[in-house]
Amino acid sequence: KNTVYLQMDSLKPEDTSVYYCSAVSGPYRYWGQGTQVT
């Protein structure tokens, strides 16, 4: 499915951030728009 999952357990306040998916194809790196985790 070309899908990646990030299971985030035991969350801490310092994990608060915008999380971006990134994928590499050949010499190129692509970025998602980001999702907020608070």
PDB file of all heavy atoms in Angstrom:
ATOM      1  N   LYS A   1       0.816  -1.216   0.000  1.00  0.00           N
ATOM      2  CA  LYS A   1       0.000   0.000   0.000  1.00  0.00           C
ATOM      3  C   LYS A   1       0.850   1.267   0.000  1.00  0.00           C
ATOM      4  O   LYS A   1       0.296   2.370  -0.036  1.00  0.00           O
ATOM      5  CB  LYS A   1      -0.919   0.013   1.223  1.00  0.00           C
ATOM      6  CG  LYS A   1      -1.944  -1.108   1.265  1.00  0.00           C
ATOM      7  CD  LYS A   1      -2.805  -0.995   2.517  1.00  0.00           C
ATOM      8  CE  LYS A   1      -3.839  -2.099   2.567  1.00  0.00           C
ATOM      9  NZ  LYS A   1      -4.670  -2.023   3.806  1.00  0.00           N
ATOM     10  N   ASN A   2       2.172   1.095   0.048  1.00  0.00           N
ATOM     11  CA  ASN A   2       3.059   2.259   0.149  1.00  0.00           C
ATOM     12  C   ASN A   2       2.620   3.171   1.296  1.00  0.00           C
ATOM     13  O   ASN A   2       2.603   4.405   1.160  1.00  0.00           O
ATOM     14  CB  ASN A   2       3.079   3.042  -1.168  1.00  0.00           C
ATOM     15  CG  ASN A   2       4.456   3.036  -1.815  1.00  0.00           C
ATOM     16  OD1 ASN A   2       5.398   2.402  -1.333  1.00  0.00           O
ATOM     17  ND2 ASN A   2       4.584   3.757  -2.905  1.00  0.00           N
ATOM     18  N   THR A   3       2.282   2.550   2.395  1.00  0.00           N
ATOM     19  CA  THR A   3       1.781   3.290   3.546  1.00  0.00           C
ATOM     20  C   THR A   3       2.656   2.990   4.756  1.00  0.00           C
ATOM     21  O   THR A   3       3.045   1.845   4.981  1.00  0.00           O
ATOM     22  CB  THR A   3       0.325   2.908   3.859  1.00  0.00           C
ATOM     23  OG1 THR A   3      -0.487   3.267   2.731  1.00  0.00           O
ATOM     24  CG2 THR A   3      -0.186   3.650   5.083  1.00  0.00           C
ATOM     25  N   VAL A   4       2.948   4.044   5.500  1.00  0.00           N
ATOM     26  CA  VAL A   4       3.754   3.927   6.712  1.00  0.00           C
ATOM     27  C   VAL A   4       2.919   4.369   7.905  1.00  0.00           C
ATOM     28  O   VAL A   4       2.165   5.347   7.821  1.00  0.00           O
ATOM     29  CB  VAL A   4       5.025   4.787   6.591  1.00  0.00           C
ATOM     30  CG1 VAL A   4       5.689   4.977   7.941  1.00  0.00           C
ATOM     31  CG2 VAL A   4       6.003   4.145   5.623  1.00  0.00           C
ATOM     32  N   TYR A   5       3.071   3.642   8.986  1.00  0.00           N
ATOM     33  CA  TYR A   5       2.332   3.930  10.216  1.00  0.00           C
ATOM     34  C   TYR A   5       3.318   4.259  11.332  1.00  0.00           C
ATOM     35  O   TYR A   5       4.343   3.591  11.470  1.00  0.00           O
ATOM     36  CB  TYR A   5       1.495   2.719  10.627  1.00  0.00           C
ATOM     37  CG  TYR A   5       0.591   2.219   9.535  1.00  0.00           C
ATOM     38  CD1 TYR A   5       0.977   1.173   8.696  1.00  0.00           C
ATOM     39  CD2 TYR A   5      -0.654   2.803   9.315  1.00  0.00           C
ATOM     40  CE1 TYR A   5       0.163   0.720   7.679  1.00  0.00           C
ATOM     41  CE2 TYR A   5      -1.485   2.351   8.300  1.00  0.00           C
ATOM     42  CZ  TYR A   5      -1.076   1.316   7.491  1.00  0.00           C
ATOM     43  OH  TYR A   5      -1.889   0.873   6.489  1.00  0.00           O
ATOM     44  N   LEU A   6       2.994   5.262  12.101  1.00  0.00           N
ATOM     45  CA  LEU A   6       3.798   5.611  13.273  1.00  0.00           C
ATOM     46  C   LEU A   6       2.906   5.475  14.503  1.00  0.00           C
ATOM     47  O   LEU A   6       2.008   6.292  14.714  1.00  0.00           O
ATOM     48  CB  LEU A   6       4.356   7.027  13.167  1.00  0.00           C
ATOM     49  CG  LEU A   6       5.274   7.450  14.304  1.00  0.00           C
ATOM     50  CD1 LEU A   6       6.580   6.648  14.268  1.00  0.00           C
ATOM     51  CD2 LEU A   6       5.572   8.944  14.249  1.00  0.00           C
ATOM     52  N   GLN A   7       3.138   4.428  15.271  1.00  0.00           N
ATOM     53  CA  GLN A   7       2.413   4.229  16.517  1.00  0.00           C
ATOM     54  C   GLN A   7       3.146   4.968  17.620  1.00  0.00           C
ATOM     55  O   GLN A   7       4.307   4.674  17.908  1.00  0.00           O
ATOM     56  CB  GLN A   7       2.324   2.737  16.840  1.00  0.00           C
ATOM     57  CG  GLN A   7       1.598   2.419  18.135  1.00  0.00           C
ATOM     58  CD  GLN A   7       0.131   2.788  18.087  1.00  0.00           C
ATOM     59  OE1 GLN A   7      -0.531   2.588  17.065  1.00  0.00           O
ATOM     60  NE2 GLN A   7      -0.386   3.326  19.188  1.00  0.00           N
ATOM     61  N   MET A   8       2.462   5.914  18.218  1.00  0.00           N
ATOM     62  CA  MET A   8       3.067   6.778  19.224  1.00  0.00           C
ATOM     63  C   MET A   8       2.437   6.465  20.573  1.00  0.00           C
ATOM     64  O   MET A   8       1.262   6.755  20.800  1.00  0.00           O
ATOM     65  CB  MET A   8       2.837   8.245  18.858  1.00  0.00           C
ATOM     66  CG  MET A   8       3.228   8.574  17.413  1.00  0.00           C
ATOM     67  SD  MET A   8       2.592  10.153  16.827  1.00  0.00           S
ATOM     68  CE  MET A   8       3.535  11.278  17.825  1.00  0.00           C
ATOM     69  N   ASP A   9       3.186   5.840  21.458  1.00  0.00           N
ATOM     70  CA  ASP A   9       2.704   5.465  22.788  1.00  0.00           C
ATOM     71  C   ASP A   9       3.440   6.264  23.858  1.00  0.00           C
ATOM     72  O   ASP A   9       4.489   6.845  23.607  1.00  0.00           O
ATOM     73  CB  ASP A   9       2.910   3.956  23.014  1.00  0.00           C
ATOM     74  CG  ASP A   9       2.126   3.102  22.045  1.00  0.00           C
ATOM     75  OD1 ASP A   9       0.981   3.458  21.721  1.00  0.00           O
ATOM     76  OD2 ASP A   9       2.662   2.065  21.608  1.00  0.00           O
ATOM     77  N   SER A  10       2.886   6.241  25.042  1.00  0.00           N
ATOM     78  CA  SER A  10       3.496   6.929  26.194  1.00  0.00           C
ATOM     79  C   SER A  10       3.877   8.360  25.832  1.00  0.00           C
ATOM     80  O   SER A  10       4.997   8.807  26.082  1.00  0.00           O
ATOM     81  CB  SER A  10       4.734   6.153  26.675  1.00  0.00           C
ATOM     82  OG  SER A  10       4.407   4.832  27.031  1.00  0.00           O
ATOM     83  N   LEU A  11       2.934   9.061  25.248  1.00  0.00           N
ATOM     84  CA  LEU A  11       3.206  10.413  24.764  1.00  0.00           C
ATOM     85  C   LEU A  11       3.586  11.349  25.902  1.00  0.00           C
ATOM     86  O   LEU A  11       3.061  11.256  27.024  1.00  0.00           O
ATOM     87  CB  LEU A  11       1.993  10.947  24.016  1.00  0.00           C
ATOM     88  CG  LEU A  11       1.795  10.357  22.611  1.00  0.00           C
ATOM     89  CD1 LEU A  11       0.389  10.618  22.112  1.00  0.00           C
ATOM     90  CD2 LEU A  11       2.831  10.935  21.650  1.00  0.00           C
ATOM     91  N   LYS A  12       4.503  12.260  25.574  1.00  0.00           N
ATOM     92  CA  LYS A  12       4.984  13.257  26.520  1.00  0.00           C
ATOM     93  C   LYS A  12       4.699  14.645  25.972  1.00  0.00           C
ATOM     94  O   LYS A  12       4.566  14.818  24.751  1.00  0.00           O
ATOM     95  CB  LYS A  12       6.498  13.102  26.713  1.00  0.00           C
ATOM     96  CG  LYS A  12       6.949  11.737  27.206  1.00  0.00           C
ATOM     97  CD  LYS A  12       8.468  11.691  27.296  1.00  0.00           C
ATOM     98  CE  LYS A  12       8.954  10.334  27.806  1.00  0.00           C
ATOM     99  NZ  LYS A  12      10.440  10.279  27.895  1.00  0.00           N
ATOM    100  N   PRO A  13       4.645  15.645  26.842  1.00  0.00           N
ATOM    101  CA  PRO A  13       4.416  17.025  26.348  1.00  0.00           C
ATOM    102  C   PRO A  13       5.449  17.454  25.303  1.00  0.00           C
ATOM    103  O   PRO A  13       5.103  18.170  24.363  1.00  0.00           O
ATOM    104  CB  PRO A  13       4.536  17.867  27.621  1.00  0.00           C
ATOM    105  CG  PRO A  13       4.145  16.940  28.722  1.00  0.00           C
ATOM    106  CD  PRO A  13       4.672  15.592  28.317  1.00  0.00           C
ATOM    107  N   GLU A  14       6.671  16.992  25.436  1.00  0.00           N
ATOM    108  CA  GLU A  14       7.709  17.381  24.478  1.00  0.00           C
ATOM    109  C   GLU A  14       7.535  16.727  23.112  1.00  0.00           C
ATOM    110  O   GLU A  14       8.261  17.065  22.166  1.00  0.00           O
ATOM    111  CB  GLU A  14       9.113  17.060  25.029  1.00  0.00           C
ATOM    112  CG  GLU A  14       9.299  15.647  25.525  1.00  0.00           C
ATOM    113  CD  GLU A  14       9.116  15.528  27.035  1.00  0.00           C
ATOM    114  OE1 GLU A  14       8.175  16.151  27.576  1.00  0.00           O
ATOM    115  OE2 GLU A  14       9.920  14.791  27.651  1.00  0.00           O
ATOM    116  N   ASP A  15       6.586  15.810  22.980  1.00  0.00           N
ATOM    117  CA  ASP A  15       6.271  15.249  21.663  1.00  0.00           C
ATOM    118  C   ASP A  15       5.385  16.191  20.851  1.00  0.00           C
ATOM    119  O   ASP A  15       5.171  15.962  19.655  1.00  0.00           O
ATOM    120  CB  ASP A  15       5.555  13.900  21.804  1.00  0.00           C
ATOM    121  CG  ASP A  15       6.431  12.820  22.427  1.00  0.00           C
ATOM    122  OD1 ASP A  15       7.644  12.801  22.134  1.00  0.00           O
ATOM    123  OD2 ASP A  15       5.905  12.023  23.229  1.00  0.00           O
ATOM    124  N   THR A  16       4.879  17.223  21.507  1.00  0.00           N
ATOM    125  CA  THR A  16       4.045  18.200  20.808  1.00  0.00           C
ATOM    126  C   THR A  16       4.829  18.842  19.674  1.00  0.00           C
ATOM    127  O   THR A  16       5.922  19.379  19.889  1.00  0.00           O
ATOM    128  CB  THR A  16       3.557  19.282  21.787  1.00  0.00           C
ATOM    129  OG1 THR A  16       2.697  18.675  22.756  1.00  0.00           O
ATOM    130  CG2 THR A  16       2.812  20.388  21.051  1.00  0.00           C
ATOM    131  N   SER A  17       4.271  18.767  18.481  1.00  0.00           N
ATOM    132  CA  SER A  17       4.977  19.264  17.310  1.00  0.00           C
ATOM    133  C   SER A  17       4.100  19.086  16.084  1.00  0.00           C
ATOM    134  O   SER A  17       3.048  18.444  16.147  1.00  0.00           O
ATOM    135  CB  SER A  17       6.279  18.459  17.127  1.00  0.00           C
ATOM    136  OG  SER A  17       7.092  19.026  16.125  1.00  0.00           O
ATOM    137  N   VAL A  18       4.551  19.640  14.974  1.00  0.00           N
ATOM    138  CA  VAL A  18       3.974  19.292  13.680  1.00  0.00           C
ATOM    139  C   VAL A  18       4.786  18.133  13.121  1.00  0.00           C
ATOM    140  O   VAL A  18       6.026  18.194  13.064  1.00  0.00           O
ATOM    141  CB  VAL A  18       3.996  20.481  12.706  1.00  0.00           C
ATOM    142  CG1 VAL A  18       3.383  20.074  11.367  1.00  0.00           C
ATOM    143  CG2 VAL A  18       3.247  21.676  13.300  1.00  0.00           C
ATOM    144  N   TYR A  19       4.089  17.095  12.707  1.00  0.00           N
ATOM    145  CA  TYR A  19       4.741  15.901  12.173  1.00  0.00           C
ATOM    146  C   TYR A  19       4.535  15.863  10.659  1.00  0.00           C
ATOM    147  O   TYR A  19       3.409  16.000  10.173  1.00  0.00           O
ATOM    148  CB  TYR A  19       4.168  14.646  12.832  1.00  0.00           C
ATOM    149  CG  TYR A  19       4.669  14.467  14.242  1.00  0.00           C
ATOM    150  CD1 TYR A  19       4.201  15.276  15.269  1.00  0.00           C
ATOM    151  CD2 TYR A  19       5.627  13.506  14.546  1.00  0.00           C
ATOM    152  CE1 TYR A  19       4.682  15.139  16.565  1.00  0.00           C
ATOM    153  CE2 TYR A  19       6.105  13.355  15.838  1.00  0.00           C
ATOM    154  CZ  TYR A  19       5.637  14.181  16.839  1.00  0.00           C
ATOM    155  OH  TYR A  19       6.112  14.039  18.125  1.00  0.00           O
ATOM    156  N   TYR A  20       5.645  15.666   9.945  1.00  0.00           N
ATOM    157  CA  TYR A  20       5.620  15.659   8.488  1.00  0.00           C
ATOM    158  C   TYR A  20       6.015  14.277   7.973  1.00  0.00           C
ATOM    159  O   TYR A  20       7.034  13.717   8.396  1.00  0.00           O
ATOM    160  CB  TYR A  20       6.603  16.683   7.917  1.00  0.00           C
ATOM    161  CG  TYR A  20       6.290  18.104   8.251  1.00  0.00           C
ATOM    162  CD1 TYR A  20       6.788  18.707   9.401  1.00  0.00           C
ATOM    163  CD2 TYR A  20       5.494  18.871   7.399  1.00  0.00           C
ATOM    164  CE1 TYR A  20       6.492  20.030   9.709  1.00  0.00           C
ATOM    165  CE2 TYR A  20       5.198  20.192   7.694  1.00  0.00           C
ATOM    166  CZ  TYR A  20       5.701  20.757   8.854  1.00  0.00           C
ATOM    167  OH  TYR A  20       5.403  22.067   9.141  1.00  0.00           O
ATOM    168  N   CYS A  21       5.235  13.783   7.049  1.00  0.00           N
ATOM    169  CA  CYS A  21       5.631  12.577   6.337  1.00  0.00           C
ATOM    170  C   CYS A  21       6.625  12.960   5.246  1.00  0.00           C
ATOM    171  O   CYS A  21       6.482  14.005   4.601  1.00  0.00           O
ATOM    172  CB  CYS A  21       4.414  11.907   5.713  1.00  0.00           C
ATOM    173  SG  CYS A  21       4.801  10.405   4.782  1.00  0.00           S
ATOM    174  N   SER A  22       7.610  12.122   5.053  1.00  0.00           N
ATOM    175  CA  SER A  22       8.609  12.369   4.022  1.00  0.00           C
ATOM    176  C   SER A  22       8.914  11.070   3.303  1.00  0.00           C
ATOM    177  O   SER A  22       9.044  10.021   3.934  1.00  0.00           O
ATOM    178  CB  SER A  22       9.884  12.932   4.650  1.00  0.00           C
ATOM    179  OG  SER A  22      10.867  13.161   3.666  1.00  0.00           O
ATOM    180  N   ALA A  23       9.062  11.161   1.979  1.00  0.00           N
ATOM    181  CA  ALA A  23       9.321   9.966   1.176  1.00  0.00           C
ATOM    182  C   ALA A  23      10.425  10.255   0.170  1.00  0.00           C
ATOM    183  O   ALA A  23      10.483  11.348  -0.397  1.00  0.00           O
ATOM    184  CB  ALA A  23       8.051   9.521   0.459  1.00  0.00           C
ATOM    185  N   VAL A  24      11.269   9.262  -0.027  1.00  0.00           N
ATOM    186  CA  VAL A  24      12.406   9.399  -0.935  1.00  0.00           C
ATOM    187  C   VAL A  24      12.197   8.506  -2.145  1.00  0.00           C
ATOM    188  O   VAL A  24      11.897   7.316  -2.009  1.00  0.00           O
ATOM    189  CB  VAL A  24      13.719   9.015  -0.220  1.00  0.00           C
ATOM    190  CG1 VAL A  24      14.875   9.045  -1.212  1.00  0.00           C
ATOM    191  CG2 VAL A  24      13.985   9.947   0.950  1.00  0.00           C
ATOM    192  N   SER A  25      12.388   9.127  -3.328  1.00  0.00           N
ATOM    193  CA  SER A  25      12.362   8.385  -4.582  1.00  0.00           C
ATOM    194  C   SER A  25      13.549   8.838  -5.413  1.00  0.00           C
ATOM    195  O   SER A  25      13.581   9.998  -5.849  1.00  0.00           O
ATOM    196  CB  SER A  25      11.044   8.637  -5.317  1.00  0.00           C
ATOM    197  OG  SER A  25      11.027   7.950  -6.555  1.00  0.00           O
ATOM    198  N   GLY A  26      14.522   7.947  -5.595  1.00  0.00           N
ATOM    199  CA  GLY A  26      15.733   8.351  -6.300  1.00  0.00           C
ATOM    200  C   GLY A  26      16.424   9.472  -5.555  1.00  0.00           C
ATOM    201  O   GLY A  26      16.622   9.394  -4.350  1.00  0.00           O
ATOM    202  N   PRO A  27      16.773  10.551  -6.275  1.00  0.00           N
ATOM    203  CA  PRO A  27      17.467  11.667  -5.615  1.00  0.00           C
ATOM    204  C   PRO A  27      16.536  12.681  -4.967  1.00  0.00           C
ATOM    205  O   PRO A  27      16.977  13.685  -4.412  1.00  0.00           O
ATOM    206  CB  PRO A  27      18.197  12.333  -6.781  1.00  0.00           C
ATOM    207  CG  PRO A  27      17.291  12.098  -7.947  1.00  0.00           C
ATOM    208  CD  PRO A  27      16.683  10.735  -7.727  1.00  0.00           C
ATOM    209  N   TYR A  28      15.242  12.400  -5.012  1.00  0.00           N
ATOM    210  CA  TYR A  28      14.272  13.398  -4.562  1.00  0.00           C
ATOM    211  C   TYR A  28      13.628  13.011  -3.227  1.00  0.00           C
ATOM    212  O   TYR A  28      13.328  11.845  -2.988  1.00  0.00           O
ATOM    213  CB  TYR A  28      13.156  13.575  -5.599  1.00  0.00           C
ATOM    214  CG  TYR A  28      13.682  13.956  -6.964  1.00  0.00           C
ATOM    215  CD1 TYR A  28      13.709  13.024  -7.999  1.00  0.00           C
ATOM    216  CD2 TYR A  28      14.178  15.238  -7.216  1.00  0.00           C
ATOM    217  CE1 TYR A  28      14.213  13.357  -9.237  1.00  0.00           C
ATOM    218  CE2 TYR A  28      14.678  15.566  -8.453  1.00  0.00           C
ATOM    219  CZ  TYR A  28      14.694  14.625  -9.462  1.00  0.00           C
ATOM    220  OH  TYR A  28      15.197  14.956 -10.701  1.00  0.00           O
ATOM    221  N   ARG A  29      13.413  14.015  -2.397  1.00  0.00           N
ATOM    222  CA  ARG A  29      12.678  13.844  -1.147  1.00  0.00           C
ATOM    223  C   ARG A  29      11.419  14.685  -1.228  1.00  0.00           C
ATOM    224  O   ARG A  29      11.452  15.868  -1.578  1.00  0.00           O
ATOM    225  CB  ARG A  29      13.522  14.274   0.061  1.00  0.00           C
ATOM    226  CG  ARG A  29      12.772  14.151   1.386  1.00  0.00           C
ATOM    227  CD  ARG A  29      13.667  14.495   2.567  1.00  0.00           C
ATOM    228  NE  ARG A  29      14.695  13.502   2.809  1.00  0.00           N
ATOM    229  CZ  ARG A  29      14.488  12.360   3.464  1.00  0.00           C
ATOM    230  NH1 ARG A  29      13.278  12.061   3.934  1.00  0.00           N
ATOM    231  NH2 ARG A  29      15.484  11.522   3.644  1.00  0.00           N
ATOM    232  N   TYR A  30      10.323  14.073  -0.877  1.00  0.00           N
ATOM    233  CA  TYR A  30       9.028  14.737  -0.906  1.00  0.00           C
ATOM    234  C   TYR A  30       8.494  14.872   0.504  1.00  0.00           C
ATOM    235  O   TYR A  30       8.801  14.050   1.376  1.00  0.00           O
ATOM    236  CB  TYR A  30       8.038  13.936  -1.762  1.00  0.00           C
ATOM    237  CG  TYR A  30       8.486  13.736  -3.189  1.00  0.00           C
ATOM    238  CD1 TYR A  30       9.261  12.634  -3.549  1.00  0.00           C
ATOM    239  CD2 TYR A  30       8.159  14.659  -4.181  1.00  0.00           C
ATOM    240  CE1 TYR A  30       9.691  12.449  -4.847  1.00  0.00           C
ATOM    241  CE2 TYR A  30       8.583  14.476  -5.490  1.00  0.00           C
ATOM    242  CZ  TYR A  30       9.349  13.377  -5.814  1.00  0.00           C
ATOM    243  OH  TYR A  30       9.785  13.194  -7.113  1.00  0.00           O
ATOM    244  N   TRP A  31       7.673  15.923   0.694  1.00  0.00           N
ATOM    245  CA  TRP A  31       7.118  16.209   2.022  1.00  0.00           C
ATOM    246  C   TRP A  31       5.607  16.303   1.968  1.00  0.00           C
ATOM    247  O   TRP A  31       5.034  16.828   1.010  1.00  0.00           O
ATOM    248  CB  TRP A  31       7.683  17.523   2.548  1.00  0.00           C
ATOM    249  CG  TRP A  31       9.150  17.493   2.805  1.00  0.00           C
ATOM    250  CD1 TRP A  31      10.137  17.916   1.962  1.00  0.00           C
ATOM    251  CD2 TRP A  31       9.801  17.019   3.978  1.00  0.00           C
ATOM    252  NE1 TRP A  31      11.364  17.724   2.540  1.00  0.00           N
ATOM    253  CE2 TRP A  31      11.192  17.180   3.782  1.00  0.00           C
ATOM    254  CE3 TRP A  31       9.358  16.470   5.185  1.00  0.00           C
ATOM    255  CZ2 TRP A  31      12.131  16.814   4.746  1.00  0.00           C
ATOM    256  CZ3 TRP A  31      10.293  16.113   6.137  1.00  0.00           C
ATOM    257  CH2 TRP A  31      11.663  16.279   5.913  1.00  0.00           C
ATOM    258  N   GLY A  32       4.989  15.813   3.032  1.00  0.00           N
ATOM    259  CA  GLY A  32       3.575  16.046   3.223  1.00  0.00           C
ATOM    260  C   GLY A  32       3.346  17.418   3.827  1.00  0.00           C
ATOM    261  O   GLY A  32       4.290  18.158   4.118  1.00  0.00           O
ATOM    262  N   GLN A  33       2.078  17.755   4.022  1.00  0.00           N
ATOM    263  CA  GLN A  33       1.739  19.089   4.519  1.00  0.00           C
ATOM    264  C   GLN A  33       1.872  19.206   6.028  1.00  0.00           C
ATOM    265  O   GLN A  33       1.898  20.319   6.555  1.00  0.00           O
ATOM    266  CB  GLN A  33       0.320  19.449   4.081  1.00  0.00           C
ATOM    267  CG  GLN A  33       0.200  19.658   2.582  1.00  0.00           C
ATOM    268  CD  GLN A  33      -1.130  20.259   2.196  1.00  0.00           C
ATOM    269  OE1 GLN A  33      -2.112  20.151   2.925  1.00  0.00           O
ATOM    270  NE2 GLN A  33      -1.185  20.888   1.042  1.00  0.00           N
ATOM    271  N   GLY A  34       1.953  18.080   6.704  1.00  0.00           N
ATOM    272  CA  GLY A  34       2.129  18.117   8.156  1.00  0.00           C
ATOM    273  C   GLY A  34       0.828  17.918   8.904  1.00  0.00           C
ATOM    274  O   GLY A  34      -0.241  18.310   8.440  1.00  0.00           O
ATOM    275  N   THR A  35       0.953  17.301  10.056  1.00  0.00           N
ATOM    276  CA  THR A  35      -0.210  17.115  10.926  1.00  0.00           C
ATOM    277  C   THR A  35       0.199  17.454  12.360  1.00  0.00           C
ATOM    278  O   THR A  35       1.287  17.075  12.812  1.00  0.00           O
ATOM    279  CB  THR A  35      -0.765  15.676  10.822  1.00  0.00           C
ATOM    280  OG1 THR A  35      -1.941  15.553  11.611  1.00  0.00           O
ATOM    281  CG2 THR A  35       0.254  14.633  11.271  1.00  0.00           C
ATOM    282  N   GLN A  36      -0.647  18.190  13.040  1.00  0.00           N
ATOM    283  CA  GLN A  36      -0.315  18.652  14.391  1.00  0.00           C
ATOM    284  C   GLN A  36      -0.581  17.557  15.411  1.00  0.00           C
ATOM    285  O   GLN A  36      -1.649  16.930  15.411  1.00  0.00           O
ATOM    286  CB  GLN A  36      -1.149  19.889  14.750  1.00  0.00           C
ATOM    287  CG  GLN A  36      -0.938  20.412  16.158  1.00  0.00           C
ATOM    288  CD  GLN A  36       0.429  21.048  16.351  1.00  0.00           C
ATOM    289  OE1 GLN A  36       0.892  21.813  15.505  1.00  0.00           O
ATOM    290  NE2 GLN A  36       1.080  20.725  17.465  1.00  0.00           N
ATOM    291  N   VAL A  37       0.391  17.346  16.272  1.00  0.00           N
ATOM    292  CA  VAL A  37       0.227  16.469  17.431  1.00  0.00           C
ATOM    293  C   VAL A  37       0.449  17.322  18.671  1.00  0.00           C
ATOM    294  O   VAL A  37       1.488  17.966  18.813  1.00  0.00           O
ATOM    295  CB  VAL A  37       1.225  15.297  17.403  1.00  0.00           C
ATOM    296  CG1 VAL A  37       1.210  14.533  18.726  1.00  0.00           C
ATOM    297  CG2 VAL A  37       0.909  14.359  16.248  1.00  0.00           C
ATOM    298  N   THR A  38      -0.547  17.326  19.546  1.00  0.00           N
ATOM    299  CA  THR A  38      -0.464  18.095  20.773  1.00  0.00           C
ATOM    300  C   THR A  38      -0.693  17.176  21.957  1.00  0.00           C
ATOM    301  O   THR A  38      -1.704  16.464  22.004  1.00  0.00           O
ATOM    302  CB  THR A  38      -1.498  19.230  20.796  1.00  0.00           C
ATOM    303  OG1 THR A  38      -1.279  20.084  19.666  1.00  0.00           O
ATOM    304  CG2 THR A  38      -1.365  20.062  22.071  1.00  0.00           C
TER     305      THR A  38
END
